[in-house]
Amino acid sequence: MKSMTGFGRFEASDEQRKITVEMKAVNHRYFDVNIRMPKKMMMFEAAVRNLIKRQIERGKVDVFITCEDVTERPVSVSYNRGAAEAYVNAFRQMAADFAIEDDLTVSKLAAFEEVLTRQEQQEDEQEIWGLMERTVSEATDALVRSRETEGEHLLQDLLAKLDNLSSCVAFIEQYSPSIQQEYRTKLEEKVREFLDDKSIDENRIAAEVTIFADKICVDEETVRLRSHIQTMRETLACGGGIGKKLDFLAQEMNREANTILSKSVDLAVSDRAITLKTEIEKIREQIQNVE
């Protein structure tokens, strides 16, 4: 089982460049990747996205890619005569129109857009991608390992919470029959007090107890709860992209806990039902970070 939170980093270099890739991931409803890389490497964005998607199913992943040139690559600089001439003519016209000094210099002119152009030697795209693919893959592996480590902590916490749920369900199942017997005893006492007679219609008492038992019976709810708990345990053991399924199971468990609480007429059962709801809510919070 993997968490959606994690961090991965890797750097690799060859004779010409050093590429560094850093990734951080947080929980998200879907798979979402945000990539920041040098402009000259934007052509590889789709390939990088597909590379990450092979190992990550869900979560928001921020990717930061830097590339450092470690060679003294030859660079040529030239100026655009047409652009420079247009700027010079415009400044001279402005000076004449407003009767102000024309303080244009070569260095100021060179700062304007498109006057100077910088050209580097063409790089081999296949060579760049080979190094970049390796770096992204290693960084993704590191991110996945980080998510697996966090996922193991989540797994142990969720299993402990499921144990608490099972204990609450077991208590409710064991305690519920005594509620019916207690109700029967109190009902008989009330009837005797009202009739002031030892003679009681046992059939009528039995019918009233049956009606009461039907109203407070939570057998179906506890059976379904046990089933959901077992299914969640099995799902946790499977691992992989299980976050959405776990969230659905938690919703169903919460529904059963609500029904048990609404049927409860005993303080002890109500207390366990509230504990059930509290633990289930904690489980739902943790599940939001499961891939």
C-alpha atoms as a PDB file:
ATOM      1  CA  MET A   1       0.000   0.000   0.000  1.00  0.00           C
ATOM      2  CA  LYS A   2       1.283   3.437  -0.920  1.00  0.00           C
ATOM      3  CA  SER A   3       0.635   6.851   0.536  1.00  0.00           C
ATOM      4  CA  MET A   4       0.133   9.774  -1.831  1.00  0.00           C
ATOM      5  CA  THR A   5       2.685  11.832   0.099  1.00  0.00           C
ATOM      6  CA  GLY A   6       6.367  11.517  -0.728  1.00  0.00           C
ATOM      7  CA  PHE A   7       9.550  13.030  -2.104  1.00  0.00           C
ATOM      8  CA  GLY A   8      12.099  11.844  -4.637  1.00  0.00           C
ATOM      9  CA  ARG A   9      15.325  13.298  -6.017  1.00  0.00           C
ATOM     10  CA  PHE A  10      18.016  12.167  -8.416  1.00  0.00           C
ATOM     11  CA  GLU A  11      20.749  13.763 -10.500  1.00  0.00           C
ATOM     12  CA  ALA A  12      22.829  12.398 -13.335  1.00  0.00           C
ATOM     13  CA  SER A  13      25.467  13.856 -15.614  1.00  0.00           C
ATOM     14  CA  ASP A  14      27.526  13.134 -18.712  1.00  0.00           C
ATOM     15  CA  GLU A  15      30.399  14.945 -20.381  1.00  0.00           C
ATOM     16  CA  GLN A  16      28.224  17.902 -21.372  1.00  0.00           C
ATOM     17  CA  ARG A  17      25.449  18.437 -18.831  1.00  0.00           C
ATOM     18  CA  LYS A  18      24.064  17.632 -15.391  1.00  0.00           C
ATOM     19  CA  ILE A  19      20.321  17.059 -14.981  1.00  0.00           C
ATOM     20  CA  THR A  20      18.617  17.182 -11.578  1.00  0.00           C
ATOM     21  CA  VAL A  21      15.039  16.032 -10.983  1.00  0.00           C
ATOM     22  CA  GLU A  22      13.113  16.637  -7.771  1.00  0.00           C
ATOM     23  CA  MET A  23       9.560  15.441  -7.121  1.00  0.00           C
ATOM     24  CA  LYS A  24       7.147  16.002  -4.295  1.00  0.00           C
ATOM     25  CA  ALA A  25       3.679  14.465  -4.068  1.00  0.00           C
ATOM     26  CA  VAL A  26       0.580  15.137  -1.984  1.00  0.00           C
ATOM     27  CA  ASN A  27      -2.904  13.658  -1.926  1.00  0.00           C
ATOM     28  CA  HIS A  28      -5.297  14.439  -4.749  1.00  0.00           C
ATOM     29  CA  ARG A  29      -8.495  12.939  -6.050  1.00  0.00           C
ATOM     30  CA  TYR A  30      -6.961  12.146  -9.442  1.00  0.00           C
ATOM     31  CA  PHE A  31      -3.523  11.899 -11.090  1.00  0.00           C
ATOM     32  CA  ASP A  32      -2.189  15.402 -11.621  1.00  0.00           C
ATOM     33  CA  VAL A  33       1.371  16.318 -12.646  1.00  0.00           C
ATOM     34  CA  ASN A  34       2.839  19.807 -12.750  1.00  0.00           C
ATOM     35  CA  ILE A  35       6.246  19.939 -14.495  1.00  0.00           C
ATOM     36  CA  ARG A  36       8.701  22.812 -14.382  1.00  0.00           C
ATOM     37  CA  MET A  37      11.698  22.524 -16.691  1.00  0.00           C
ATOM     38  CA  PRO A  38      13.993  24.699 -18.833  1.00  0.00           C
ATOM     39  CA  LYS A  39      12.386  26.084 -21.962  1.00  0.00           C
ATOM     40  CA  LYS A  40      14.809  24.242 -24.229  1.00  0.00           C
ATOM     41  CA  MET A  41      13.602  20.923 -22.762  1.00  0.00           C
ATOM     42  CA  MET A  42       9.844  21.538 -23.062  1.00  0.00           C
ATOM     43  CA  MET A  43       9.693  19.129 -26.008  1.00  0.00           C
ATOM     44  CA  PHE A  44      10.094  16.278 -23.521  1.00  0.00           C
ATOM     45  CA  GLU A  45       7.199  17.273 -21.243  1.00  0.00           C
ATOM     46  CA  ALA A  46       4.707  14.693 -22.567  1.00  0.00           C
ATOM     47  CA  ALA A  47       7.320  11.924 -22.399  1.00  0.00           C
ATOM     48  CA  VAL A  48       8.196  12.847 -18.803  1.00  0.00           C
ATOM     49  CA  ARG A  49       4.511  12.842 -17.854  1.00  0.00           C
ATOM     50  CA  ASN A  50       3.981   9.367 -19.350  1.00  0.00           C
ATOM     51  CA  LEU A  51       7.115   8.070 -17.617  1.00  0.00           C
ATOM     52  CA  ILE A  52       5.812   9.163 -14.210  1.00  0.00           C
ATOM     53  CA  LYS A  53       2.307   7.854 -14.911  1.00  0.00           C
ATOM     54  CA  ARG A  54       3.627   4.319 -15.317  1.00  0.00           C
ATOM     55  CA  GLN A  55       4.392   4.124 -11.599  1.00  0.00           C
ATOM     56  CA  ILE A  56       1.959   6.558  -9.993  1.00  0.00           C
ATOM     57  CA  GLU A  57      -1.811   6.137 -10.259  1.00  0.00           C
ATOM     58  CA  ARG A  58      -3.122   8.952  -8.091  1.00  0.00           C
ATOM     59  CA  GLY A  59      -1.915  12.119  -6.379  1.00  0.00           C
ATOM     60  CA  LYS A  60      -0.671  15.602  -7.196  1.00  0.00           C
ATOM     61  CA  VAL A  61       2.979  15.488  -8.236  1.00  0.00           C
ATOM     62  CA  ASP A  62       5.159  18.591  -8.647  1.00  0.00           C
ATOM     63  CA  VAL A  63       8.257  17.959 -10.758  1.00  0.00           C
ATOM     64  CA  PHE A  64      11.241  20.311 -10.879  1.00  0.00           C
ATOM     65  CA  ILE A  65      13.875  19.684 -13.575  1.00  0.00           C
ATOM     66  CA  THR A  66      17.088  21.665 -13.959  1.00  0.00           C
ATOM     67  CA  CYS A  67      19.860  21.265 -16.501  1.00  0.00           C
ATOM     68  CA  GLU A  68      23.371  22.605 -15.947  1.00  0.00           C
ATOM     69  CA  ASP A  69      25.807  22.907 -18.865  1.00  0.00           C
ATOM     70  CA  VAL A  70      29.220  21.657 -17.711  1.00  0.00           C
ATOM     71  CA  THR A  71      31.072  22.439 -20.961  1.00  0.00           C
ATOM     72  CA  GLU A  72      32.215  25.689 -22.520  1.00  0.00           C
ATOM     73  CA  ARG A  73      29.920  25.333 -25.483  1.00  0.00           C
ATOM     74  CA  PRO A  74      30.692  27.786 -28.334  1.00  0.00           C
ATOM     75  CA  VAL A  75      28.166  30.625 -28.526  1.00  0.00           C
ATOM     76  CA  SER A  76      27.683  33.174 -31.311  1.00  0.00           C
ATOM     77  CA  VAL A  77      26.087  36.592 -30.822  1.00  0.00           C
ATOM     78  CA  SER A  78      24.747  38.741 -33.648  1.00  0.00           C
ATOM     79  CA  TYR A  79      22.576  41.818 -33.893  1.00  0.00           C
ATOM     80  CA  ASN A  80      19.485  42.455 -35.940  1.00  0.00           C
ATOM     81  CA  ARG A  81      20.277  45.538 -38.014  1.00  0.00           C
ATOM     82  CA  GLY A  82      16.672  46.125 -39.002  1.00  0.00           C
ATOM     83  CA  ALA A  83      15.435  46.043 -35.395  1.00  0.00           C
ATOM     84  CA  ALA A  84      18.300  48.286 -34.209  1.00  0.00           C
ATOM     85  CA  GLU A  85      17.621  50.817 -36.984  1.00  0.00           C
ATOM     86  CA  ALA A  86      13.943  50.927 -36.139  1.00  0.00           C
ATOM     87  CA  TYR A  87      14.714  51.637 -32.473  1.00  0.00           C
ATOM     88  CA  VAL A  88      17.253  54.389 -33.393  1.00  0.00           C
ATOM     89  CA  ASN A  89      14.809  56.120 -35.743  1.00  0.00           C
ATOM     90  CA  ALA A  90      12.045  55.959 -33.140  1.00  0.00           C
ATOM     91  CA  PHE A  91      14.240  57.513 -30.430  1.00  0.00           C
ATOM     92  CA  ARG A  92      15.456  60.263 -32.739  1.00  0.00           C
ATOM     93  CA  GLN A  93      11.877  61.092 -33.679  1.00  0.00           C
ATOM     94  CA  MET A  94      10.895  61.161 -30.005  1.00  0.00           C
ATOM     95  CA  ALA A  95      13.811  63.513 -29.223  1.00  0.00           C
ATOM     96  CA  ALA A  96      12.782  65.858 -32.028  1.00  0.00           C
ATOM     97  CA  ASP A  97       9.064  65.823 -31.181  1.00  0.00           C
ATOM     98  CA  PHE A  98       9.545  66.564 -27.500  1.00  0.00           C
ATOM     99  CA  ALA A  99      12.729  68.661 -27.712  1.00  0.00           C
ATOM    100  CA  ILE A 100      14.653  66.389 -25.350  1.00  0.00           C
ATOM    101  CA  GLU A 101      18.177  65.039 -25.412  1.00  0.00           C
ATOM    102  CA  ASP A 102      18.782  61.854 -27.349  1.00  0.00           C
ATOM    103  CA  ASP A 103      21.006  59.909 -24.922  1.00  0.00           C
ATOM    104  CA  LEU A 104      20.804  56.590 -26.753  1.00  0.00           C
ATOM    105  CA  THR A 105      23.990  54.500 -26.517  1.00  0.00           C
ATOM    106  CA  VAL A 106      25.020  51.165 -27.980  1.00  0.00           C
ATOM    107  CA  SER A 107      24.710  49.381 -24.639  1.00  0.00           C
ATOM    108  CA  LYS A 108      21.187  50.745 -24.102  1.00  0.00           C
ATOM    109  CA  LEU A 109      20.207  49.854 -27.660  1.00  0.00           C
ATOM    110  CA  ALA A 110      21.507  46.281 -27.199  1.00  0.00           C
ATOM    111  CA  ALA A 111      19.182  45.789 -24.208  1.00  0.00           C
ATOM    112  CA  PHE A 112      16.045  46.073 -26.328  1.00  0.00           C
ATOM    113  CA  GLU A 113      14.235  42.968 -27.489  1.00  0.00           C
ATOM    114  CA  GLU A 114      15.453  41.254 -30.657  1.00  0.00           C
ATOM    115  CA  VAL A 115      18.391  43.610 -31.189  1.00  0.00           C
ATOM    116  CA  LEU A 116      20.882  40.986 -30.028  1.00  0.00           C
ATOM    117  CA  THR A 117      20.397  37.260 -30.612  1.00  0.00           C
ATOM    118  CA  ARG A 118      22.355  34.478 -28.922  1.00  0.00           C
ATOM    119  CA  GLN A 119      22.853  31.207 -30.740  1.00  0.00           C
ATOM    120  CA  GLU A 120      24.233  28.048 -29.179  1.00  0.00           C
ATOM    121  CA  GLN A 121      25.488  24.943 -30.886  1.00  0.00           C
ATOM    122  CA  GLN A 122      22.630  22.559 -31.689  1.00  0.00           C
ATOM    123  CA  GLU A 123      22.352  19.751 -29.115  1.00  0.00           C
ATOM    124  CA  ASP A 124      21.525  16.104 -29.776  1.00  0.00           C
ATOM    125  CA  GLU A 125      17.921  15.575 -28.591  1.00  0.00           C
ATOM    126  CA  GLN A 126      18.304  11.796 -28.320  1.00  0.00           C
ATOM    127  CA  GLU A 127      21.372  12.239 -26.158  1.00  0.00           C
ATOM    128  CA  ILE A 128      19.559  14.693 -23.875  1.00  0.00           C
ATOM    129  CA  TRP A 129      16.500  12.442 -23.571  1.00  0.00           C
ATOM    130  CA  GLY A 130      18.628   9.398 -22.745  1.00  0.00           C
ATOM    131  CA  LEU A 131      20.100  11.177 -19.720  1.00  0.00           C
ATOM    132  CA  MET A 132      16.797  12.817 -18.802  1.00  0.00           C
ATOM    133  CA  GLU A 133      14.821   9.559 -19.008  1.00  0.00           C
ATOM    134  CA  ARG A 134      17.247   7.875 -16.630  1.00  0.00           C
ATOM    135  CA  THR A 135      17.125  10.789 -14.183  1.00  0.00           C
ATOM    136  CA  VAL A 136      13.310  11.024 -14.181  1.00  0.00           C
ATOM    137  CA  SER A 137      12.971   7.244 -13.756  1.00  0.00           C
ATOM    138  CA  GLU A 138      15.351   7.170 -10.783  1.00  0.00           C
ATOM    139  CA  ALA A 139      13.650  10.163  -9.153  1.00  0.00           C
ATOM    140  CA  THR A 140      10.247   8.490  -9.650  1.00  0.00           C
ATOM    141  CA  ASP A 141      11.576   5.287  -8.075  1.00  0.00           C
ATOM    142  CA  ALA A 142      12.761   7.298  -5.068  1.00  0.00           C
ATOM    143  CA  LEU A 143       9.346   8.970  -4.823  1.00  0.00           C
ATOM    144  CA  VAL A 144       7.558   5.603  -4.965  1.00  0.00           C
ATOM    145  CA  ARG A 145       9.818   4.176  -2.246  1.00  0.00           C
ATOM    146  CA  SER A 146       9.034   7.195  -0.087  1.00  0.00           C
ATOM    147  CA  ARG A 147       5.303   6.699  -0.658  1.00  0.00           C
ATOM    148  CA  GLU A 148       5.593   2.985   0.172  1.00  0.00           C
ATOM    149  CA  THR A 149       7.358   3.757   3.457  1.00  0.00           C
ATOM    150  CA  GLU A 150       4.651   6.235   4.402  1.00  0.00           C
ATOM    151  CA  GLY A 151       2.044   3.735   3.199  1.00  0.00           C
ATOM    152  CA  GLU A 152       3.377   1.099   5.606  1.00  0.00           C
ATOM    153  CA  HIS A 153       2.845   3.501   8.513  1.00  0.00           C
ATOM    154  CA  LEU A 154      -0.684   4.200   7.269  1.00  0.00           C
ATOM    155  CA  LEU A 155      -1.352   0.473   6.944  1.00  0.00           C
ATOM    156  CA  GLN A 156      -0.391  -0.272  10.538  1.00  0.00           C
ATOM    157  CA  ASP A 157      -2.506   2.618  11.796  1.00  0.00           C
ATOM    158  CA  LEU A 158      -5.535   1.535   9.766  1.00  0.00           C
ATOM    159  CA  LEU A 159      -5.233  -2.088  10.935  1.00  0.00           C
ATOM    160  CA  ALA A 160      -5.119  -0.924  14.554  1.00  0.00           C
ATOM    161  CA  LYS A 161      -8.257   1.150  14.007  1.00  0.00           C
ATOM    162  CA  LEU A 162     -10.011  -1.819  12.391  1.00  0.00           C
ATOM    163  CA  ASP A 163      -9.167  -3.873  15.499  1.00  0.00           C
ATOM    164  CA  ASN A 164     -10.889  -1.192  17.601  1.00  0.00           C
ATOM    165  CA  LEU A 165     -13.943  -1.366  15.351  1.00  0.00           C
ATOM    166  CA  SER A 166     -14.091  -5.149  15.695  1.00  0.00           C
ATOM    167  CA  SER A 167     -13.929  -4.838  19.494  1.00  0.00           C
ATOM    168  CA  CYS A 168     -16.832  -2.380  19.527  1.00  0.00           C
ATOM    169  CA  VAL A 169     -18.929  -4.614  17.266  1.00  0.00           C
ATOM    170  CA  ALA A 170     -18.210  -7.651  19.469  1.00  0.00           C
ATOM    171  CA  PHE A 171     -19.304  -5.728  22.573  1.00  0.00           C
ATOM    172  CA  ILE A 172     -22.570  -4.628  20.931  1.00  0.00           C
ATOM    173  CA  GLU A 173     -23.316  -8.192  19.785  1.00  0.00           C
ATOM    174  CA  GLN A 174     -22.687  -9.619  23.256  1.00  0.00           C
ATOM    175  CA  TYR A 175     -24.484  -6.873  25.160  1.00  0.00           C
ATOM    176  CA  SER A 176     -27.647  -6.547  23.010  1.00  0.00           C
ATOM    177  CA  PRO A 177     -29.454  -9.707  24.329  1.00  0.00           C
ATOM    178  CA  SER A 178     -29.193  -8.437  27.910  1.00  0.00           C
ATOM    179  CA  ILE A 179     -31.051  -5.271  26.880  1.00  0.00           C
ATOM    180  CA  GLN A 180     -34.052  -7.336  25.827  1.00  0.00           C
ATOM    181  CA  GLN A 181     -34.042  -9.300  29.102  1.00  0.00           C
ATOM    182  CA  GLU A 182     -33.702  -6.099  31.107  1.00  0.00           C
ATOM    183  CA  TYR A 183     -36.638  -4.600  29.209  1.00  0.00           C
ATOM    184  CA  ARG A 184     -38.754  -7.703  29.908  1.00  0.00           C
ATOM    185  CA  THR A 185     -37.968  -7.526  33.614  1.00  0.00           C
ATOM    186  CA  LYS A 186     -38.840  -3.832  33.844  1.00  0.00           C
ATOM    187  CA  LEU A 187     -42.007  -4.369  31.813  1.00  0.00           C
ATOM    188  CA  GLU A 188     -43.193  -7.167  34.143  1.00  0.00           C
ATOM    189  CA  GLU A 189     -42.498  -4.983  37.166  1.00  0.00           C
ATOM    190  CA  LYS A 190     -44.466  -2.096  35.702  1.00  0.00           C
ATOM    191  CA  VAL A 191     -47.403  -4.346  34.821  1.00  0.00           C
ATOM    192  CA  ARG A 192     -47.472  -5.888  38.295  1.00  0.00           C
ATOM    193  CA  GLU A 193     -47.311  -2.445  39.864  1.00  0.00           C
ATOM    194  CA  PHE A 194     -50.130  -1.227  37.657  1.00  0.00           C
ATOM    195  CA  LEU A 195     -52.417  -4.287  38.110  1.00  0.00           C
ATOM    196  CA  ASP A 196     -51.419  -4.917  41.692  1.00  0.00           C
ATOM    197  CA  ASP A 197     -51.711  -8.580  40.838  1.00  0.00           C
ATOM    198  CA  LYS A 198     -49.320 -11.446  40.445  1.00  0.00           C
ATOM    199  CA  SER A 199     -51.230 -12.798  37.473  1.00  0.00           C
ATOM    200  CA  ILE A 200     -49.636 -11.569  34.224  1.00  0.00           C
ATOM    201  CA  ASP A 201     -50.494 -12.464  30.661  1.00  0.00           C
ATOM    202  CA  GLU A 202     -47.203 -13.998  29.539  1.00  0.00           C
ATOM    203  CA  ASN A 203     -48.240 -13.974  25.872  1.00  0.00           C
ATOM    204  CA  ARG A 204     -48.851 -10.222  25.955  1.00  0.00           C
ATOM    205  CA  ILE A 205     -45.526  -9.649  27.701  1.00  0.00           C
ATOM    206  CA  ALA A 206     -43.771 -11.801  25.104  1.00  0.00           C
ATOM    207  CA  ALA A 207     -45.439  -9.868  22.277  1.00  0.00           C
ATOM    208  CA  GLU A 208     -44.351  -6.505  23.717  1.00  0.00           C
ATOM    209  CA  VAL A 209     -40.796  -7.754  24.198  1.00  0.00           C
ATOM    210  CA  THR A 210     -40.753  -9.024  20.611  1.00  0.00           C
ATOM    211  CA  ILE A 211     -41.885  -5.651  19.265  1.00  0.00           C
ATOM    212  CA  PHE A 212     -39.245  -3.909  21.368  1.00  0.00           C
ATOM    213  CA  ALA A 213     -36.566  -6.358  20.227  1.00  0.00           C
ATOM    214  CA  ASP A 214     -37.422  -5.702  16.570  1.00  0.00           C
ATOM    215  CA  LYS A 215     -37.034  -1.954  17.097  1.00  0.00           C
ATOM    216  CA  ILE A 216     -33.619  -2.177  18.727  1.00  0.00           C
ATOM    217  CA  CYS A 217     -32.232  -5.179  16.841  1.00  0.00           C
ATOM    218  CA  VAL A 218     -28.899  -4.341  15.205  1.00  0.00           C
ATOM    219  CA  ASP A 219     -27.944  -7.839  14.055  1.00  0.00           C
ATOM    220  CA  GLU A 220     -28.029  -6.865  10.369  1.00  0.00           C
ATOM    221  CA  GLU A 221     -25.927  -3.793  11.003  1.00  0.00           C
ATOM    222  CA  THR A 222     -23.267  -5.641  13.008  1.00  0.00           C
ATOM    223  CA  VAL A 223     -23.078  -8.423  10.411  1.00  0.00           C
ATOM    224  CA  ARG A 224     -22.590  -5.878   7.620  1.00  0.00           C
ATOM    225  CA  LEU A 225     -20.048  -4.001   9.701  1.00  0.00           C
ATOM    226  CA  ARG A 226     -18.034  -7.171  10.233  1.00  0.00           C
ATOM    227  CA  SER A 227     -18.216  -7.864   6.512  1.00  0.00           C
ATOM    228  CA  HIS A 228     -16.995  -4.346   5.642  1.00  0.00           C
ATOM    229  CA  ILE A 229     -14.165  -4.608   8.187  1.00  0.00           C
ATOM    230  CA  GLN A 230     -13.038  -7.927   6.715  1.00  0.00           C
ATOM    231  CA  THR A 231     -13.278  -6.578   3.155  1.00  0.00           C
ATOM    232  CA  MET A 232     -11.182  -3.562   4.145  1.00  0.00           C
ATOM    233  CA  ARG A 233      -8.540  -5.833   5.680  1.00  0.00           C
ATOM    234  CA  GLU A 234      -8.383  -7.877   2.472  1.00  0.00           C
ATOM    235  CA  THR A 235      -8.199  -4.728   0.357  1.00  0.00           C
ATOM    236  CA  LEU A 236      -5.357  -3.357   2.476  1.00  0.00           C
ATOM    237  CA  ALA A 237      -3.482  -6.627   1.994  1.00  0.00           C
ATOM    238  CA  CYS A 238      -3.835  -6.352  -1.794  1.00  0.00           C
ATOM    239  CA  GLY A 239      -2.151  -2.921  -1.985  1.00  0.00           C
ATOM    240  CA  GLY A 240      -1.949  -0.913  -5.204  1.00  0.00           C
ATOM    241  CA  GLY A 241      -4.451   1.807  -6.084  1.00  0.00           C
ATOM    242  CA  ILE A 242      -7.021   1.038  -3.377  1.00  0.00           C
ATOM    243  CA  GLY A 243      -7.775   4.506  -1.986  1.00  0.00           C
ATOM    244  CA  LYS A 244     -11.139   4.976  -3.705  1.00  0.00           C
ATOM    245  CA  LYS A 245     -12.380   1.511  -2.711  1.00  0.00           C
ATOM    246  CA  LEU A 246     -11.341   2.088   0.899  1.00  0.00           C
ATOM    247  CA  ASP A 247     -13.191   5.394   0.937  1.00  0.00           C
ATOM    248  CA  PHE A 248     -16.370   3.693  -0.320  1.00  0.00           C
ATOM    249  CA  LEU A 249     -16.094   0.985   2.364  1.00  0.00           C
ATOM    250  CA  ALA A 250     -15.614   3.633   5.063  1.00  0.00           C
ATOM    251  CA  GLN A 251     -18.786   5.391   3.920  1.00  0.00           C
ATOM    252  CA  GLU A 252     -20.735   2.136   4.178  1.00  0.00           C
ATOM    253  CA  MET A 253     -19.316   1.444   7.630  1.00  0.00           C
ATOM    254  CA  ASN A 254     -20.323   4.902   8.786  1.00  0.00           C
ATOM    255  CA  ARG A 255     -23.868   4.276   7.557  1.00  0.00           C
ATOM    256  CA  GLU A 256     -24.151   1.113   9.658  1.00  0.00           C
ATOM    257  CA  ALA A 257     -22.740   2.896  12.736  1.00  0.00           C
ATOM    258  CA  ASN A 258     -25.326   5.670  12.321  1.00  0.00           C
ATOM    259  CA  THR A 259     -28.133   3.103  12.213  1.00  0.00           C
ATOM    260  CA  ILE A 260     -26.852   1.367  15.347  1.00  0.00           C
ATOM    261  CA  LEU A 261     -26.713   4.689  17.178  1.00  0.00           C
ATOM    262  CA  SER A 262     -30.228   5.643  16.081  1.00  0.00           C
ATOM    263  CA  LYS A 263     -31.643   2.305  17.324  1.00  0.00           C
ATOM    264  CA  SER A 264     -29.795   2.354  20.616  1.00  0.00           C
ATOM    265  CA  VAL A 265     -31.792   2.732  23.839  1.00  0.00           C
ATOM    266  CA  ASP A 266     -28.927   1.795  26.129  1.00  0.00           C
ATOM    267  CA  LEU A 267     -26.108   4.072  27.224  1.00  0.00           C
ATOM    268  CA  ALA A 268     -23.403   1.400  26.868  1.00  0.00           C
ATOM    269  CA  VAL A 269     -24.420   0.595  23.278  1.00  0.00           C
ATOM    270  CA  SER A 270     -24.695   4.301  22.427  1.00  0.00           C
ATOM    271  CA  ASP A 271     -21.208   4.852  23.795  1.00  0.00           C
ATOM    272  CA  ARG A 272     -19.799   2.063  21.594  1.00  0.00           C
ATOM    273  CA  ALA A 273     -21.700   3.357  18.574  1.00  0.00           C
ATOM    274  CA  ILE A 274     -20.180   6.808  19.091  1.00  0.00           C
ATOM    275  CA  THR A 275     -16.751   5.174  19.368  1.00  0.00           C
ATOM    276  CA  LEU A 276     -17.475   3.370  16.098  1.00  0.00           C
ATOM    277  CA  LYS A 277     -18.312   6.649  14.357  1.00  0.00           C
ATOM    278  CA  THR A 278     -15.219   8.345  15.780  1.00  0.00           C
ATOM    279  CA  GLU A 279     -12.880   5.565  14.649  1.00  0.00           C
ATOM    280  CA  ILE A 280     -14.504   5.367  11.217  1.00  0.00           C
ATOM    281  CA  GLU A 281     -14.057   9.125  10.769  1.00  0.00           C
ATOM    282  CA  LYS A 282     -10.371   8.755  11.657  1.00  0.00           C
ATOM    283  CA  ILE A 283     -10.107   5.955   9.101  1.00  0.00           C
ATOM    284  CA  ARG A 284     -11.708   8.135   6.446  1.00  0.00           C
ATOM    285  CA  GLU A 285      -9.215  10.900   7.163  1.00  0.00           C
ATOM    286  CA  GLN A 286      -6.281   8.515   6.783  1.00  0.00           C
ATOM    287  CA  ILE A 287      -7.710   6.957   3.636  1.00  0.00           C
ATOM    288  CA  GLN A 288      -7.683  10.338   1.892  1.00  0.00           C
ATOM    289  CA  ASN A 289      -3.911   9.951   1.683  1.00  0.00           C
ATOM    290  CA  VAL A 290      -3.921   6.398   0.273  1.00  0.00           C
ATOM    291  CA  GLU A 291      -3.163   6.038  -3.430  1.00  0.00           C
END
